[in-house]
């Protein structure tokens, strides 16, 4: 694990702090604006672990608003979870490069990442200008309870997560309509929002994303996606009876249903 990589991340303007969670060691929080006591750190880590445990395997990263900061969560493999707290002043270009380097160095020894990170962080010199004025100190205990429910409801999906769910839906629809009709149905049902063109439809009915696929989408954009899915299922229902139930409710996982359906089924599968 490279100490300079850790220091590069922590000294980025807009970084509030980072944390490592592995479910075996006590979670370790460190950064220029970490003001959580031990009990609050444990509560936050437990809530994040619960959220991660209930997300599909292909969800490798997601984000949610925490106090007035943005929390990015990364599933790194071997049970290791990286949490990064940033302010809105963060430069996403610099951030992306530094975080990719940090994830790589953490995975050099994932089973010992938390104690090794704790040891190396003690040697890191924090820049006094790391945090923008007004950055939040997330020390309010009420804001941490219950984190799992707050995060699950407030997670802003990324373009890659949306595309993965859409592709699963397309695969289910192709069993009834065939790929050619699935593609035509997606095209005919797309609402007139230029932003949706960021999801490029391929001949096999799958989508690729032209936008930054790791940047959380806005609530308005998320609604446009749901409107598109509703129109797709409605148009497909003209051809196949109970199409929405067969393709939507029975094909999608609970997490994917929350991403794509306006009224996801309440039952668990």
Protein backbone atom coordinates (compact mmCIF):
# COMPACT_ATOMS: atom_id res chain seq x y z
CA UNK A 1 0.00 0.00 0.00
CA UNK A 2 1.43 3.37 -1.03
CA UNK A 3 1.31 6.20 1.53
CA UNK A 4 1.66 8.86 -1.17
CA UNK A 5 -1.52 7.62 -2.87
CA UNK A 6 -3.43 8.02 0.40
CA UNK A 7 -1.99 11.50 0.91
CA UNK A 8 -2.87 12.53 -2.66
CA UNK A 9 -6.54 11.70 -2.02
CA UNK A 10 -6.77 13.32 1.38
CA UNK A 11 -5.18 16.54 0.15
CA UNK A 12 -7.62 17.03 -2.72
CA UNK A 13 -9.65 20.25 -2.24
CA UNK A 14 -13.15 19.19 -1.26
CA UNK A 15 -12.29 15.90 0.46
CA UNK A 16 -13.86 15.66 3.91
CA UNK A 17 -12.57 12.22 4.73
CA UNK A 18 -12.37 8.57 3.80
CA UNK A 19 -13.15 5.37 5.65
CA UNK A 20 -12.42 1.68 5.21
CA UNK A 21 -14.84 -1.04 6.29
CA UNK A 22 -14.22 -4.78 6.02
CA UNK A 23 -16.61 -6.37 8.53
CA UNK A 24 -13.70 -7.89 10.48
CA UNK A 25 -11.75 -4.97 11.94
CA UNK A 26 -13.07 -1.84 13.54
CA UNK A 27 -13.86 0.59 10.71
CA UNK A 28 -11.25 3.31 10.30
CA UNK A 29 -12.20 6.90 9.49
CA UNK A 30 -9.61 9.52 8.63
CA UNK A 31 -9.56 12.94 7.03
CA UNK A 32 -9.42 16.70 7.50
CA UNK A 33 -13.10 17.01 8.41
CA UNK A 34 -13.98 13.75 10.17
CA UNK A 35 -15.63 14.66 13.49
CA UNK A 36 -17.52 11.44 14.27
CA UNK A 37 -16.92 9.81 17.61
CA UNK A 38 -16.33 6.06 17.86
CA UNK A 39 -20.01 5.23 18.41
CA UNK A 40 -21.07 7.31 15.42
CA UNK A 41 -18.39 5.76 13.23
CA UNK A 42 -19.61 2.27 14.17
CA UNK A 43 -23.22 3.25 13.44
CA UNK A 44 -22.31 4.72 10.06
CA UNK A 45 -20.19 1.69 9.12
CA UNK A 46 -22.95 -0.71 10.18
CA UNK A 47 -25.53 1.16 8.13
CA UNK A 48 -23.29 1.18 5.06
CA UNK A 49 -22.60 -2.54 5.46
CA UNK A 50 -26.35 -3.24 5.58
CA UNK A 51 -26.95 -1.22 2.42
CA UNK A 52 -24.09 -2.91 0.56
CA UNK A 53 -25.29 -6.37 1.63
CA UNK A 54 -28.71 -5.74 0.06
CA UNK A 55 -27.51 -4.36 -3.29
CA UNK A 56 -27.06 -6.56 -6.37
CA UNK A 57 -23.58 -7.90 -7.06
CA UNK A 58 -23.17 -5.71 -10.17
CA UNK A 59 -23.59 -2.51 -8.12
CA UNK A 60 -19.93 -1.70 -7.55
CA UNK A 61 -20.43 1.93 -6.55
CA UNK A 62 -23.26 4.21 -5.53
CA UNK A 63 -23.73 7.58 -3.88
CA UNK A 64 -26.08 9.35 -1.52
CA UNK A 65 -26.38 12.72 0.14
CA UNK A 66 -25.20 12.67 3.76
CA UNK A 67 -25.83 15.89 5.71
CA UNK A 68 -24.55 18.45 3.13
CA UNK A 69 -21.84 16.22 1.74
CA UNK A 70 -21.86 13.60 -0.99
CA UNK A 71 -20.94 10.09 0.14
CA UNK A 72 -19.46 7.76 -2.46
CA UNK A 73 -19.36 4.05 -1.59
CA UNK A 74 -17.14 1.62 -3.49
CA UNK A 75 -17.30 -2.18 -3.20
CA UNK A 76 -13.70 -3.25 -3.73
CA UNK A 77 -13.96 -7.03 -3.37
CA UNK A 78 -12.97 -9.41 -0.57
CA UNK A 79 -15.57 -7.67 1.62
CA UNK A 80 -13.70 -4.36 1.57
CA UNK A 81 -15.74 -1.15 1.32
CA UNK A 82 -14.33 2.33 0.70
CA UNK A 83 -16.35 5.38 1.77
CA UNK A 84 -15.36 8.82 0.50
CA UNK A 85 -17.03 12.00 1.79
CA UNK A 86 -16.71 15.03 -0.46
CA UNK A 87 -18.14 18.52 -0.75
CA UNK A 88 -19.79 19.98 -3.83
CA UNK A 89 -16.61 21.95 -4.61
CA UNK A 90 -14.74 18.78 -5.59
CA UNK A 91 -13.09 18.66 -9.03
CA UNK A 92 -14.42 15.39 -10.47
CA UNK A 93 -11.53 15.03 -12.93
CA UNK A 94 -8.88 15.11 -10.22
CA UNK A 95 -11.08 13.06 -7.93
CA UNK A 96 -11.61 10.21 -10.39
CA UNK A 97 -7.90 9.73 -11.05
CA UNK A 98 -6.91 9.85 -7.38
CA UNK A 99 -9.67 7.46 -6.29
CA UNK A 100 -8.78 4.93 -8.99
CA UNK A 101 -5.20 4.93 -7.72
CA UNK A 102 -6.40 4.54 -4.13
CA UNK A 103 -8.67 1.60 -4.99
CA UNK A 104 -5.77 -0.11 -6.77
CA UNK A 105 -3.38 0.27 -3.85
CA UNK A 106 -6.01 -0.88 -1.32
CA UNK A 107 -6.60 -4.09 -3.28
CA UNK A 108 -2.91 -5.01 -3.16
CA UNK A 109 -3.64 -6.60 0.24
CA UNK A 110 -7.42 -6.36 0.86
CA UNK A 111 -7.51 -8.66 3.91
CA UNK A 112 -5.10 -6.37 5.77
CA UNK A 113 -6.22 -3.11 4.18
CA UNK A 114 -7.87 -1.60 7.25
CA UNK A 115 -5.01 -2.08 9.76
CA UNK A 116 -2.41 -1.17 7.09
CA UNK A 117 -4.37 1.94 6.12
CA UNK A 118 -4.67 2.90 9.80
CA UNK A 119 -0.89 2.58 10.22
CA UNK A 120 -0.05 4.57 7.09
CA UNK A 121 -2.63 7.28 7.74
CA UNK A 122 -0.73 8.18 10.90
CA UNK A 123 2.14 9.29 8.68
CA UNK A 124 0.03 11.38 6.33
CA UNK A 125 0.33 15.15 6.46
CA UNK A 126 -3.04 16.79 5.84
CA UNK A 127 -3.17 20.01 3.89
CA UNK A 128 -4.79 22.85 5.81
CA UNK A 129 -6.66 23.84 2.65
CA UNK A 130 -8.14 20.41 1.98
CA UNK A 131 -11.67 21.30 2.96
CA UNK A 132 -13.69 24.04 1.35
CA UNK A 133 -15.32 26.60 3.66
CA UNK A 134 -18.62 25.41 5.04
CA UNK A 135 -17.88 21.69 4.68
CA UNK A 136 -20.08 19.69 7.00
CA UNK A 137 -18.96 17.96 10.14
CA UNK A 138 -21.33 15.02 10.24
CA UNK A 139 -21.53 14.69 13.98
CA UNK A 140 -25.28 14.78 14.52
CA UNK A 141 -26.28 11.34 15.91
CA UNK A 142 -29.85 11.72 14.60
CA UNK A 143 -28.47 12.03 11.08
CA UNK A 144 -26.97 8.56 11.40
CA UNK A 145 -30.16 6.73 12.40
CA UNK A 146 -31.23 4.68 10.64
CA UNK A 147 -28.57 5.06 7.94
CA UNK A 148 -29.53 1.92 6.03
CA UNK A 149 -33.05 3.17 5.36
CA UNK A 150 -31.92 6.73 4.60
CA UNK A 151 -29.20 5.61 2.23
CA UNK A 152 -31.39 3.08 0.44
CA UNK A 153 -34.04 5.72 -0.14
CA UNK A 154 -31.63 8.52 -1.02
CA UNK A 155 -29.10 6.70 -3.18
CA UNK A 156 -28.66 8.49 -6.44
CA UNK A 157 -28.19 5.82 -9.12
CA UNK A 158 -25.39 6.09 -11.64
CA UNK A 159 -25.67 5.73 -15.40
CA UNK A 160 -23.97 2.33 -15.28
CA UNK A 161 -26.45 1.05 -12.69
CA UNK A 162 -29.38 2.25 -14.79
CA UNK A 163 -27.94 0.67 -17.94
CA UNK A 164 -27.37 -2.66 -16.19
CA UNK A 165 -30.98 -2.74 -14.98
CA UNK A 166 -32.29 -1.74 -18.42
CA UNK A 167 -30.26 -4.52 -20.02
CA UNK A 168 -31.71 -7.09 -17.62
CA UNK A 169 -35.18 -5.83 -18.46
CA UNK A 170 -34.43 -6.08 -22.19
CA UNK A 171 -33.23 -9.66 -21.80
CA UNK A 172 -36.48 -10.58 -20.09
CA UNK A 173 -38.56 -8.82 -22.73
CA UNK A 174 -36.68 -10.55 -25.56
CA UNK A 175 -37.97 -13.90 -24.35
CA UNK A 176 -41.48 -12.78 -25.32
CA UNK A 177 -40.95 -10.23 -28.10
CA UNK A 178 -37.63 -11.14 -29.67
CA UNK A 179 -34.67 -8.75 -29.85
CA UNK A 180 -35.80 -6.87 -32.95
CA UNK A 181 -39.19 -5.99 -31.50
CA UNK A 182 -37.60 -5.10 -28.16
CA UNK A 183 -35.32 -2.59 -29.89
CA UNK A 184 -38.23 -1.08 -31.82
CA UNK A 185 -40.36 -0.88 -28.68
CA UNK A 186 -37.61 0.97 -26.79
CA UNK A 187 -37.24 3.43 -29.66
CA UNK A 188 -40.98 4.04 -30.05
CA UNK A 189 -41.59 4.54 -26.34
CA UNK A 190 -38.70 6.90 -25.51
CA UNK A 191 -39.94 10.22 -24.09
CA UNK A 192 -38.82 13.41 -25.84
CA UNK A 193 -35.97 14.23 -23.46
CA UNK A 194 -32.59 14.67 -25.20
CA UNK A 195 -30.76 13.50 -22.08
CA UNK A 196 -32.14 9.97 -22.58
CA UNK A 197 -30.16 9.77 -25.80
CA UNK A 198 -27.12 9.28 -23.55
CA UNK A 199 -28.31 5.67 -23.30
CA UNK A 200 -27.38 4.29 -26.72
CA UNK A 201 -29.50 1.34 -27.81
CA UNK A 202 -27.60 -1.48 -29.49
CA UNK A 203 -29.01 -3.97 -32.05
CA UNK A 204 -29.14 -6.69 -29.37
CA UNK A 205 -31.44 -4.56 -27.19
CA UNK A 206 -28.71 -3.63 -24.71
CA UNK A 207 -27.70 -0.09 -23.73
CA UNK A 208 -24.33 1.60 -23.47
CA UNK A 209 -23.88 4.88 -21.63
CA UNK A 210 -22.30 7.96 -23.21
CA UNK A 211 -22.40 10.01 -20.00
CA UNK A 212 -19.96 9.63 -17.12
CA UNK A 213 -21.43 6.33 -15.97
CA UNK A 214 -20.22 6.75 -12.35
CA UNK A 215 -21.77 10.16 -11.78
CA UNK A 216 -25.10 10.05 -9.92
CA UNK A 217 -28.06 11.17 -12.04
CA UNK A 218 -30.50 13.81 -10.85
CA UNK A 219 -34.00 12.99 -9.55
CA UNK A 220 -35.49 14.57 -12.69
CA UNK A 221 -33.33 12.39 -14.94
CA UNK A 222 -34.24 9.34 -12.88
CA UNK A 223 -37.92 10.12 -13.42
CA UNK A 224 -37.37 10.34 -17.17
CA UNK A 225 -35.89 6.82 -17.08
CA UNK A 226 -38.90 5.53 -15.14
CA UNK A 227 -41.27 7.20 -17.61
CA UNK A 228 -39.43 5.50 -20.46
CA UNK A 229 -39.66 2.11 -18.79
CA UNK A 230 -43.37 2.60 -18.07
CA UNK A 231 -44.00 3.49 -21.72
CA UNK A 232 -41.93 0.49 -22.86
CA UNK A 233 -43.88 -1.91 -20.66
CA UNK A 234 -47.19 -0.33 -21.69
CA UNK A 235 -46.41 -0.65 -25.40
CA UNK A 236 -45.23 -4.23 -24.93
CA UNK A 237 -48.50 -4.96 -23.17
CA UNK A 238 -50.33 -4.29 -26.42
CA UNK A 239 -48.66 -7.39 -27.84
CA UNK A 240 -48.26 -9.69 -24.81
CA UNK A 241 -50.93 -9.95 -22.16
CA UNK A 242 -49.58 -9.33 -18.62
CA UNK A 243 -46.35 -8.11 -20.19
CA UNK A 244 -45.55 -5.74 -17.32
CA UNK A 245 -45.89 -8.52 -14.74
CA UNK A 246 -44.03 -11.11 -16.82
CA UNK A 247 -41.16 -8.83 -17.79
CA UNK A 248 -41.05 -6.15 -15.10
CA UNK A 249 -42.07 -7.68 -11.80
CA UNK A 250 -40.77 -11.20 -12.47
CA UNK A 251 -37.54 -10.33 -14.33
CA UNK A 252 -36.15 -7.47 -12.27
CA UNK A 253 -34.53 -7.87 -8.87
CA UNK A 254 -36.01 -5.80 -6.01
CA UNK A 255 -33.17 -3.27 -6.34
CA UNK A 256 -33.66 -3.03 -10.11
CA UNK A 257 -37.39 -2.56 -9.61
CA UNK A 258 -36.67 0.42 -7.38
CA UNK A 259 -34.44 1.86 -10.10
CA UNK A 260 -36.82 1.42 -13.03
CA UNK A 261 -40.43 1.03 -11.92
CA UNK A 262 -42.72 3.82 -10.78
CA UNK A 263 -44.55 1.47 -8.41
CA UNK A 264 -42.20 -1.43 -7.67
CA UNK A 265 -43.77 -4.59 -6.19
CA UNK A 266 -43.60 -4.78 -2.41
CA UNK A 267 -43.07 -8.52 -2.24
CA UNK A 268 -39.58 -9.93 -1.83
CA UNK A 269 -38.18 -12.63 -3.98
